[in-house]
Amino acid sequence: MPTVRLTCPKCRGTFDYDDAPGAFLTAIHVMGSRYLACPLCGRRSMFTVGGAPAPR
């Protein structure tokens, strides 16, 4: 499962997101972005999931 590092556009916090292969069918997505809740601030916004991979 690929892991990407995302930055919240509202609180500017960074977190790792595990991109599950089956989530594409059930998630709200638009052109490589997903509507997710930030685990740090709890607010929802669009995240570009096809970003840089997280360091291991």
C-alpha atoms as a PDB file:
ATOM      1  CA  MET A   1       0.000   0.000   0.000  1.00  0.00           C
ATOM      2  CA  PRO A   2       1.637   3.302  -1.052  1.00  0.00           C
ATOM      3  CA  THR A   3       2.100   5.945   1.639  1.00  0.00           C
ATOM      4  CA  VAL A   4       2.179   9.635   0.731  1.00  0.00           C
ATOM      5  CA  ARG A   5       2.970  12.685   2.851  1.00  0.00           C
ATOM      6  CA  LEU A   6       0.161  15.259   2.780  1.00  0.00           C
ATOM      7  CA  THR A   7      -0.026  18.850   4.048  1.00  0.00           C
ATOM      8  CA  CYS A   8      -3.329  20.209   5.336  1.00  0.00           C
ATOM      9  CA  PRO A   9      -4.246  23.455   3.546  1.00  0.00           C
ATOM     10  CA  LYS A  10      -6.045  24.732   6.654  1.00  0.00           C
ATOM     11  CA  CYS A  11      -3.658  24.017   9.565  1.00  0.00           C
ATOM     12  CA  ARG A  12      -0.466  23.464   7.484  1.00  0.00           C
ATOM     13  CA  GLY A  13       0.275  20.273   9.433  1.00  0.00           C
ATOM     14  CA  THR A  14       1.856  17.323   7.626  1.00  0.00           C
ATOM     15  CA  PHE A  15       0.815  13.694   8.004  1.00  0.00           C
ATOM     16  CA  ASP A  16       1.241  10.364   6.225  1.00  0.00           C
ATOM     17  CA  TYR A  17      -1.689   8.852   4.308  1.00  0.00           C
ATOM     18  CA  ASP A  18      -1.913   5.183   3.318  1.00  0.00           C
ATOM     19  CA  ASP A  19      -3.543   5.068  -0.110  1.00  0.00           C
ATOM     20  CA  ALA A  20      -5.601   1.858  -0.090  1.00  0.00           C
ATOM     21  CA  PRO A  21      -6.242   0.342  -3.556  1.00  0.00           C
ATOM     22  CA  GLY A  22      -9.983  -0.241  -2.925  1.00  0.00           C
ATOM     23  CA  ALA A  23     -10.577   3.234  -1.498  1.00  0.00           C
ATOM     24  CA  PHE A  24     -10.747   4.712  -4.999  1.00  0.00           C
ATOM     25  CA  LEU A  25     -14.199   3.201  -5.515  1.00  0.00           C
ATOM     26  CA  THR A  26     -15.673   4.538  -2.270  1.00  0.00           C
ATOM     27  CA  ALA A  27     -13.851   7.867  -1.766  1.00  0.00           C
ATOM     28  CA  ILE A  28     -14.890  11.259  -3.041  1.00  0.00           C
ATOM     29  CA  HIS A  29     -12.203  12.125  -5.569  1.00  0.00           C
ATOM     30  CA  VAL A  30     -11.611  14.672  -8.328  1.00  0.00           C
ATOM     31  CA  MET A  31      -8.692  14.473 -10.792  1.00  0.00           C
ATOM     32  CA  GLY A  32      -6.087  12.951  -8.433  1.00  0.00           C
ATOM     33  CA  SER A  33      -7.397  14.687  -5.307  1.00  0.00           C
ATOM     34  CA  ARG A  34      -9.450  13.300  -2.433  1.00  0.00           C
ATOM     35  CA  TYR A  35     -11.779  14.924   0.069  1.00  0.00           C
ATOM     36  CA  LEU A  36     -10.318  13.883   3.442  1.00  0.00           C
ATOM     37  CA  ALA A  37     -10.409  14.929   7.076  1.00  0.00           C
ATOM     38  CA  CYS A  38      -7.082  16.088   8.480  1.00  0.00           C
ATOM     39  CA  PRO A  39      -6.136  13.884  11.465  1.00  0.00           C
ATOM     40  CA  LEU A  40      -4.474  16.883  13.143  1.00  0.00           C
ATOM     41  CA  CYS A  41      -7.176  19.578  13.002  1.00  0.00           C
ATOM     42  CA  GLY A  42     -10.195  17.442  12.021  1.00  0.00           C
ATOM     43  CA  ARG A  43     -11.327  19.776   9.216  1.00  0.00           C
ATOM     44  CA  ARG A  44     -12.113  18.377   5.769  1.00  0.00           C
ATOM     45  CA  SER A  45     -10.570  19.610   2.534  1.00  0.00           C
ATOM     46  CA  MET A  46      -9.238  18.423  -0.818  1.00  0.00           C
ATOM     47  CA  PHE A  47      -5.820  16.756  -0.764  1.00  0.00           C
ATOM     48  CA  THR A  48      -3.701  15.859  -3.787  1.00  0.00           C
ATOM     49  CA  VAL A  49      -2.987  12.192  -3.090  1.00  0.00           C
ATOM     50  CA  GLY A  50      -0.579  11.717  -5.988  1.00  0.00           C
ATOM     51  CA  GLY A  51       2.077  13.693  -4.142  1.00  0.00           C
ATOM     52  CA  ALA A  52       5.582  12.784  -3.025  1.00  0.00           C
ATOM     53  CA  PRO A  53       6.040   9.455  -1.252  1.00  0.00           C
ATOM     54  CA  ALA A  54       6.659   9.611   2.469  1.00  0.00           C
ATOM     55  CA  PRO A  55      10.203   8.815   3.659  1.00  0.00           C
ATOM     56  CA  ARG A  56      10.514   5.380   5.261  1.00  0.00           C
END
